[in-house]
Amino acid sequence: KEPRHAVLEADKLLDFVLKKRGYEGTLGEKLKKAGREFSSIDDVWSAHKLRNRVAHEMGFEVSEQEARKALSAIKQALWDLGAKNL
């Protein structure tokens, strides 16, 4: 998959897991409420901000390095939330 698609899908997965854990609102609101659950909330926010740029800025391209960093942060966030088999 291309990096931009991977970032979008990973962000959706994080949103889904947070919803299943009982958090409500936009993903940004869920992250604010769940912040203490993450080992690095700053990395999770950076990944989500990258997703927002991909989704909303025309022609924005994600480098493989940026995508890897974001995906790593989201994977850790999912691990922190108890989704261990990823």
C-alpha atoms as a PDB file:
ATOM      1  CA  LYS A   1       0.000   0.000   0.000  1.00  0.00           C
ATOM      2  CA  GLU A   2       1.138   3.512  -0.524  1.00  0.00           C
ATOM      3  CA  PRO A   3       2.204   5.387   2.619  1.00  0.00           C
ATOM      4  CA  ARG A   4      -0.720   7.823   2.633  1.00  0.00           C
ATOM      5  CA  HIS A   5      -3.284   5.015   2.515  1.00  0.00           C
ATOM      6  CA  ALA A   6      -1.518   3.137   5.323  1.00  0.00           C
ATOM      7  CA  VAL A   7      -1.606   6.232   7.556  1.00  0.00           C
ATOM      8  CA  LEU A   8      -5.320   6.774   6.888  1.00  0.00           C
ATOM      9  CA  GLU A   9      -6.185   3.147   7.616  1.00  0.00           C
ATOM     10  CA  ALA A  10      -4.093   2.980  10.806  1.00  0.00           C
ATOM     11  CA  ASP A  11      -5.762   6.146  12.096  1.00  0.00           C
ATOM     12  CA  LYS A  12      -9.189   4.607  11.426  1.00  0.00           C
ATOM     13  CA  LEU A  13      -8.173   1.464  13.299  1.00  0.00           C
ATOM     14  CA  LEU A  14      -7.081   3.502  16.325  1.00  0.00           C
ATOM     15  CA  ASP A  15     -10.401   5.367  16.245  1.00  0.00           C
ATOM     16  CA  PHE A  16     -12.281   2.038  16.092  1.00  0.00           C
ATOM     17  CA  VAL A  17     -10.382   0.558  19.056  1.00  0.00           C
ATOM     18  CA  LEU A  18     -10.914   3.682  21.166  1.00  0.00           C
ATOM     19  CA  LYS A  19     -14.639   3.593  20.353  1.00  0.00           C
ATOM     20  CA  LYS A  20     -14.785  -0.072  21.404  1.00  0.00           C
ATOM     21  CA  ARG A  21     -13.068   0.930  24.668  1.00  0.00           C
ATOM     22  CA  GLY A  22     -15.950   3.344  25.346  1.00  0.00           C
ATOM     23  CA  TYR A  23     -14.454   6.661  24.256  1.00  0.00           C
ATOM     24  CA  GLU A  24     -16.783   8.971  22.352  1.00  0.00           C
ATOM     25  CA  GLY A  25     -16.451  11.939  20.021  1.00  0.00           C
ATOM     26  CA  THR A  26     -14.003  12.686  17.248  1.00  0.00           C
ATOM     27  CA  LEU A  27     -10.662  10.899  17.315  1.00  0.00           C
ATOM     28  CA  GLY A  28      -9.102  14.093  18.661  1.00  0.00           C
ATOM     29  CA  GLU A  29     -11.592  14.129  21.536  1.00  0.00           C
ATOM     30  CA  LYS A  30     -10.981  10.425  22.187  1.00  0.00           C
ATOM     31  CA  LEU A  31      -7.222  11.010  22.313  1.00  0.00           C
ATOM     32  CA  LYS A  32      -7.663  13.825  24.843  1.00  0.00           C
ATOM     33  CA  LYS A  33      -9.811  11.593  27.059  1.00  0.00           C
ATOM     34  CA  ALA A  34      -7.565   8.518  26.694  1.00  0.00           C
ATOM     35  CA  GLY A  35      -4.234  10.325  26.907  1.00  0.00           C
ATOM     36  CA  ARG A  36      -3.093   8.597  30.099  1.00  0.00           C
ATOM     37  CA  GLU A  37      -3.435   5.181  28.453  1.00  0.00           C
ATOM     38  CA  PHE A  38      -0.647   5.849  25.957  1.00  0.00           C
ATOM     39  CA  SER A  39       3.063   5.481  26.607  1.00  0.00           C
ATOM     40  CA  SER A  40       3.656   8.460  24.270  1.00  0.00           C
ATOM     41  CA  ILE A  41       0.614  10.592  23.607  1.00  0.00           C
ATOM     42  CA  ASP A  42       2.817  13.096  21.742  1.00  0.00           C
ATOM     43  CA  ASP A  43       3.734  10.448  19.156  1.00  0.00           C
ATOM     44  CA  VAL A  44       0.077   9.490  18.774  1.00  0.00           C
ATOM     45  CA  TRP A  45      -0.883  13.146  18.235  1.00  0.00           C
ATOM     46  CA  SER A  46       1.879  13.531  15.633  1.00  0.00           C
ATOM     47  CA  ALA A  47       0.555  10.507  13.752  1.00  0.00           C
ATOM     48  CA  HIS A  48      -3.007  11.843  13.875  1.00  0.00           C
ATOM     49  CA  LYS A  49      -1.870  15.284  12.664  1.00  0.00           C
ATOM     50  CA  LEU A  50      -0.080  13.616   9.751  1.00  0.00           C
ATOM     51  CA  ARG A  51      -3.322  11.794   8.935  1.00  0.00           C
ATOM     52  CA  ASN A  52      -5.176  15.108   8.957  1.00  0.00           C
ATOM     53  CA  ARG A  53      -2.692  16.604   6.503  1.00  0.00           C
ATOM     54  CA  VAL A  54      -3.077  13.569   4.218  1.00  0.00           C
ATOM     55  CA  ALA A  55      -6.863  13.794   4.389  1.00  0.00           C
ATOM     56  CA  HIS A  56      -7.287  17.556   4.043  1.00  0.00           C
ATOM     57  CA  GLU A  57      -4.356  19.066   2.129  1.00  0.00           C
ATOM     58  CA  MET A  58      -4.588  18.743  -1.646  1.00  0.00           C
ATOM     59  CA  GLY A  59      -1.540  17.046  -3.091  1.00  0.00           C
ATOM     60  CA  PHE A  60       0.109  16.371   0.268  1.00  0.00           C
ATOM     61  CA  GLU A  61       2.506  13.435  -0.066  1.00  0.00           C
ATOM     62  CA  VAL A  62       3.803  11.355   2.827  1.00  0.00           C
ATOM     63  CA  SER A  63       7.358  10.059   2.737  1.00  0.00           C
ATOM     64  CA  GLU A  64       7.933   6.418   3.639  1.00  0.00           C
ATOM     65  CA  GLN A  65       9.912   7.577   6.672  1.00  0.00           C
ATOM     66  CA  GLU A  66       7.049   9.782   7.920  1.00  0.00           C
ATOM     67  CA  ALA A  67       4.570   6.970   7.355  1.00  0.00           C
ATOM     68  CA  ARG A  68       6.749   4.438   9.196  1.00  0.00           C
ATOM     69  CA  LYS A  69       7.070   6.768  12.172  1.00  0.00           C
ATOM     70  CA  ALA A  70       3.300   7.374  12.280  1.00  0.00           C
ATOM     71  CA  LEU A  71       2.492   3.677  11.879  1.00  0.00           C
ATOM     72  CA  SER A  72       4.934   2.779  14.633  1.00  0.00           C
ATOM     73  CA  ALA A  73       3.280   5.318  16.966  1.00  0.00           C
ATOM     74  CA  ILE A  74      -0.188   3.975  16.191  1.00  0.00           C
ATOM     75  CA  LYS A  75       0.953   0.378  16.616  1.00  0.00           C
ATOM     76  CA  GLN A  76       2.355   1.294  20.056  1.00  0.00           C
ATOM     77  CA  ALA A  77      -0.908   3.088  20.902  1.00  0.00           C
ATOM     78  CA  LEU A  78      -2.897  -0.017  19.965  1.00  0.00           C
ATOM     79  CA  TRP A  79      -0.513  -2.133  22.053  1.00  0.00           C
ATOM     80  CA  ASP A  80      -1.010   0.295  24.973  1.00  0.00           C
ATOM     81  CA  LEU A  81      -4.772  -0.201  24.597  1.00  0.00           C
ATOM     82  CA  GLY A  82      -4.416  -3.956  24.797  1.00  0.00           C
ATOM     83  CA  ALA A  83      -4.553  -4.884  21.100  1.00  0.00           C
ATOM     84  CA  LYS A  84      -1.464  -7.085  21.235  1.00  0.00           C
ATOM     85  CA  ASN A  85      -1.759  -9.348  18.188  1.00  0.00           C
ATOM     86  CA  LEU A  86      -0.801  -6.848  15.481  1.00  0.00           C
END
